[in-house]
Amino acid sequence: MKTIVFEMGLLGFFVSAVIFGAQGVGLFDLIARAFIVFIGIELAGTAVLAMIMSPSREPVIEVQENLNTADPAKRHNPAVQTKA
């Protein structure tokens, strides 16, 4: 996934370099602006991946609820099987 974000950043860098070059911008300004576009795409892609791939907290809450149960028979313990 990191390589996809990096490749998208490189694509943005080169496309913006072509666009800025067609506008007649100086070489240093062209590289600086294209690098800013690259950094923007990298940060945005990283933020999107962080939101998509964030771990779920639901199992942790479930375990805490089971541990806080006062009745030991209601606690989830796979080693102990209770009769119904």
N, C-alpha and C. Protein backbone atom coordinates (compact mmCIF):
# COMPACT_ATOMS: atom_id res chain seq x y z
N MET A 1 0.81 -1.19 0.00
CA MET A 1 0.00 0.00 0.00
C MET A 1 0.86 1.26 0.00
N LYS A 2 1.99 1.19 0.71
CA LYS A 2 2.86 2.36 0.74
C LYS A 2 3.42 2.66 -0.64
N THR A 3 3.70 1.62 -1.42
CA THR A 3 4.26 1.86 -2.75
C THR A 3 3.23 2.50 -3.66
N ILE A 4 1.94 2.17 -3.48
CA ILE A 4 0.90 2.78 -4.30
C ILE A 4 0.82 4.27 -4.00
N VAL A 5 0.88 4.63 -2.73
CA VAL A 5 0.83 6.05 -2.35
C VAL A 5 2.07 6.77 -2.90
N PHE A 6 3.22 6.13 -2.80
CA PHE A 6 4.45 6.74 -3.32
C PHE A 6 4.38 6.93 -4.84
N GLU A 7 3.87 5.92 -5.54
CA GLU A 7 3.76 6.03 -6.99
C GLU A 7 2.75 7.10 -7.40
N MET A 8 1.67 7.24 -6.64
CA MET A 8 0.71 8.32 -6.92
C MET A 8 1.37 9.68 -6.69
N GLY A 9 2.20 9.78 -5.67
CA GLY A 9 2.92 11.03 -5.41
C GLY A 9 3.88 11.35 -6.54
N LEU A 10 4.58 10.34 -7.02
CA LEU A 10 5.49 10.57 -8.16
C LEU A 10 4.73 10.98 -9.41
N LEU A 11 3.60 10.35 -9.64
CA LEU A 11 2.78 10.72 -10.80
C LEU A 11 2.34 12.18 -10.68
N GLY A 12 1.91 12.57 -9.49
CA GLY A 12 1.52 13.96 -9.27
C GLY A 12 2.67 14.92 -9.47
N PHE A 13 3.87 14.50 -9.03
CA PHE A 13 5.06 15.33 -9.20
C PHE A 13 5.35 15.59 -10.67
N PHE A 14 5.37 14.53 -11.47
CA PHE A 14 5.73 14.68 -12.87
C PHE A 14 4.63 15.37 -13.68
N VAL A 15 3.38 15.09 -13.38
CA VAL A 15 2.29 15.76 -14.09
C VAL A 15 2.31 17.26 -13.77
N SER A 16 2.48 17.59 -12.49
CA SER A 16 2.53 19.01 -12.13
C SER A 16 3.77 19.68 -12.72
N ALA A 17 4.89 18.94 -12.82
CA ALA A 17 6.09 19.51 -13.44
C ALA A 17 5.82 19.85 -14.91
N VAL A 18 5.11 18.98 -15.60
CA VAL A 18 4.78 19.25 -17.01
C VAL A 18 3.85 20.45 -17.11
N ILE A 19 2.85 20.51 -16.24
CA ILE A 19 1.90 21.62 -16.28
C ILE A 19 2.60 22.94 -15.97
N PHE A 20 3.42 22.95 -14.91
CA PHE A 20 4.13 24.18 -14.56
C PHE A 20 5.15 24.56 -15.64
N GLY A 21 5.77 23.55 -16.27
CA GLY A 21 6.71 23.83 -17.35
C GLY A 21 6.02 24.44 -18.55
N ALA A 22 4.80 24.01 -18.82
CA ALA A 22 4.06 24.57 -19.95
C ALA A 22 3.64 26.01 -19.69
N GLN A 23 3.56 26.38 -18.41
CA GLN A 23 3.20 27.76 -18.07
C GLN A 23 4.40 28.70 -18.13
N GLY A 24 5.58 28.15 -18.33
CA GLY A 24 6.76 28.99 -18.46
C GLY A 24 7.38 29.38 -17.13
N VAL A 25 7.17 28.58 -16.11
CA VAL A 25 7.74 28.85 -14.79
C VAL A 25 9.23 28.51 -14.82
N GLY A 26 10.04 29.22 -14.05
CA GLY A 26 11.47 28.94 -13.98
C GLY A 26 11.74 27.55 -13.41
N LEU A 27 12.95 27.04 -13.67
CA LEU A 27 13.28 25.67 -13.29
C LEU A 27 13.19 25.45 -11.78
N PHE A 28 13.76 26.36 -10.99
CA PHE A 28 13.73 26.20 -9.54
C PHE A 28 12.30 26.26 -9.01
N ASP A 29 11.50 27.20 -9.50
CA ASP A 29 10.11 27.30 -9.09
C ASP A 29 9.31 26.07 -9.52
N LEU A 30 9.61 25.58 -10.70
CA LEU A 30 8.94 24.38 -11.19
C LEU A 30 9.18 23.20 -10.26
N ILE A 31 10.43 22.97 -9.90
CA ILE A 31 10.77 21.84 -9.03
C ILE A 31 10.18 22.03 -7.63
N ALA A 32 10.23 23.26 -7.12
CA ALA A 32 9.69 23.53 -5.79
C ALA A 32 8.18 23.31 -5.75
N ARG A 33 7.47 23.81 -6.74
CA ARG A 33 6.01 23.64 -6.77
C ARG A 33 5.63 22.17 -6.97
N ALA A 34 6.35 21.48 -7.84
CA ALA A 34 6.06 20.06 -8.07
C ALA A 34 6.35 19.25 -6.80
N PHE A 35 7.37 19.62 -6.06
CA PHE A 35 7.67 18.93 -4.80
C PHE A 35 6.57 19.18 -3.77
N ILE A 36 6.02 20.38 -3.74
CA ILE A 36 4.92 20.68 -2.83
C ILE A 36 3.69 19.83 -3.19
N VAL A 37 3.44 19.66 -4.48
CA VAL A 37 2.33 18.79 -4.91
C VAL A 37 2.60 17.35 -4.48
N PHE A 38 3.83 16.90 -4.64
CA PHE A 38 4.22 15.55 -4.22
C PHE A 38 3.97 15.34 -2.73
N ILE A 39 4.41 16.28 -1.91
CA ILE A 39 4.23 16.17 -0.46
C ILE A 39 2.74 16.17 -0.10
N GLY A 40 1.96 17.01 -0.77
CA GLY A 40 0.52 17.06 -0.51
C GLY A 40 -0.17 15.74 -0.82
N ILE A 41 0.19 15.13 -1.95
CA ILE A 41 -0.40 13.85 -2.32
C ILE A 41 0.03 12.76 -1.35
N GLU A 42 1.29 12.78 -0.94
CA GLU A 42 1.77 11.79 0.02
C GLU A 42 1.04 11.89 1.36
N LEU A 43 0.88 13.11 1.86
CA LEU A 43 0.20 13.30 3.14
C LEU A 43 -1.27 12.90 3.06
N ALA A 44 -1.92 13.26 1.98
CA ALA A 44 -3.33 12.90 1.82
C ALA A 44 -3.50 11.39 1.69
N GLY A 45 -2.64 10.76 0.91
CA GLY A 45 -2.72 9.30 0.76
C GLY A 45 -2.44 8.57 2.05
N THR A 46 -1.48 9.06 2.82
CA THR A 46 -1.17 8.44 4.10
C THR A 46 -2.33 8.59 5.07
N ALA A 47 -2.97 9.76 5.07
CA ALA A 47 -4.12 9.98 5.95
C ALA A 47 -5.28 9.07 5.59
N VAL A 48 -5.53 8.91 4.30
CA VAL A 48 -6.61 8.03 3.86
C VAL A 48 -6.32 6.58 4.25
N LEU A 49 -5.10 6.13 4.05
CA LEU A 49 -4.74 4.77 4.43
C LEU A 49 -4.83 4.57 5.94
N ALA A 50 -4.45 5.57 6.71
CA ALA A 50 -4.53 5.44 8.17
C ALA A 50 -5.98 5.31 8.63
N MET A 51 -6.89 6.02 7.96
CA MET A 51 -8.30 5.91 8.34
C MET A 51 -8.89 4.57 7.90
N ILE A 52 -8.48 4.09 6.74
CA ILE A 52 -9.04 2.83 6.23
C ILE A 52 -8.51 1.64 7.02
N MET A 53 -7.24 1.64 7.34
CA MET A 53 -6.61 0.48 7.95
C MET A 53 -6.49 0.58 9.47
N SER A 54 -7.25 1.45 10.12
CA SER A 54 -7.17 1.57 11.57
C SER A 54 -7.80 0.33 12.21
N PRO A 55 -7.20 -0.17 13.28
CA PRO A 55 -7.73 -1.38 13.92
C PRO A 55 -9.04 -1.09 14.63
N SER A 56 -9.89 -2.09 14.68
CA SER A 56 -11.18 -1.95 15.35
C SER A 56 -10.99 -2.10 16.85
N ARG A 57 -11.72 -1.33 17.62
CA ARG A 57 -11.62 -1.38 19.08
C ARG A 57 -12.73 -2.23 19.71
N GLU A 58 -13.63 -2.77 18.93
CA GLU A 58 -14.76 -3.51 19.47
C GLU A 58 -14.36 -4.74 20.30
N PRO A 59 -13.44 -5.58 19.86
CA PRO A 59 -13.09 -6.75 20.69
C PRO A 59 -12.53 -6.35 22.06
N VAL A 60 -11.82 -5.25 22.14
CA VAL A 60 -11.25 -4.83 23.41
C VAL A 60 -12.36 -4.47 24.38
N ILE A 61 -13.39 -3.78 23.91
CA ILE A 61 -14.52 -3.41 24.76
C ILE A 61 -15.26 -4.65 25.22
N GLU A 62 -15.43 -5.62 24.33
CA GLU A 62 -16.13 -6.84 24.67
C GLU A 62 -15.38 -7.60 25.76
N VAL A 63 -14.09 -7.67 25.66
CA VAL A 63 -13.29 -8.36 26.67
C VAL A 63 -13.39 -7.63 28.00
N GLN A 64 -13.35 -6.31 27.99
CA GLN A 64 -13.47 -5.56 29.24
C GLN A 64 -14.82 -5.76 29.87
N GLU A 65 -15.89 -5.83 29.09
CA GLU A 65 -17.22 -6.07 29.64
C GLU A 65 -17.30 -7.45 30.27
N ASN A 66 -16.68 -8.44 29.63
CA ASN A 66 -16.70 -9.79 30.18
C ASN A 66 -15.91 -9.87 31.49
N LEU A 67 -14.84 -9.12 31.60
CA LEU A 67 -14.04 -9.14 32.81
C LEU A 67 -14.73 -8.41 33.96
N ASN A 68 -15.57 -7.44 33.63
CA ASN A 68 -16.25 -6.66 34.66
C ASN A 68 -17.53 -7.32 35.16
N THR A 69 -17.91 -8.44 34.60
CA THR A 69 -19.12 -9.12 35.03
C THR A 69 -18.91 -9.68 36.43
N ALA A 70 -19.89 -9.44 37.29
CA ALA A 70 -19.76 -9.89 38.68
C ALA A 70 -19.94 -11.40 38.80
N ASP A 71 -20.80 -11.97 38.02
CA ASP A 71 -21.07 -13.40 38.11
C ASP A 71 -20.00 -14.18 37.33
N PRO A 72 -19.21 -15.02 38.01
CA PRO A 72 -18.14 -15.76 37.30
C PRO A 72 -18.69 -16.71 36.25
N ALA A 73 -19.92 -17.16 36.40
CA ALA A 73 -20.48 -18.09 35.42
C ALA A 73 -20.78 -17.40 34.10
N LYS A 74 -20.99 -16.08 34.13
CA LYS A 74 -21.30 -15.33 32.92
C LYS A 74 -20.05 -14.88 32.18
N ARG A 75 -18.91 -14.97 32.81
CA ARG A 75 -17.66 -14.58 32.14
C ARG A 75 -17.34 -15.56 31.04
N HIS A 76 -16.81 -15.03 29.97
CA HIS A 76 -16.44 -15.88 28.85
C HIS A 76 -15.06 -16.47 29.12
N ASN A 77 -15.04 -17.74 29.34
CA ASN A 77 -13.77 -18.43 29.56
C ASN A 77 -13.83 -19.72 28.75
N PRO A 78 -13.10 -19.83 27.66
CA PRO A 78 -13.19 -21.03 26.82
C PRO A 78 -12.71 -22.29 27.54
N ALA A 79 -11.90 -22.15 28.56
CA ALA A 79 -11.39 -23.33 29.26
C ALA A 79 -12.46 -23.94 30.17
N VAL A 80 -13.40 -23.12 30.64
CA VAL A 80 -14.43 -23.61 31.55
C VAL A 80 -15.74 -23.65 30.81
N GLN A 81 -16.38 -24.81 30.77
CA GLN A 81 -17.67 -24.95 30.11
C GLN A 81 -18.73 -25.15 31.18
N THR A 82 -19.78 -24.34 31.12
CA THR A 82 -20.85 -24.46 32.09
C THR A 82 -22.00 -25.22 31.50
N LYS A 83 -22.75 -25.92 32.34
CA LYS A 83 -23.92 -26.68 31.89
C LYS A 83 -25.11 -25.76 31.82
N ALA A 84 -25.91 -25.93 30.80
CA ALA A 84 -27.08 -25.06 30.61
C ALA A 84 -28.26 -25.52 31.41
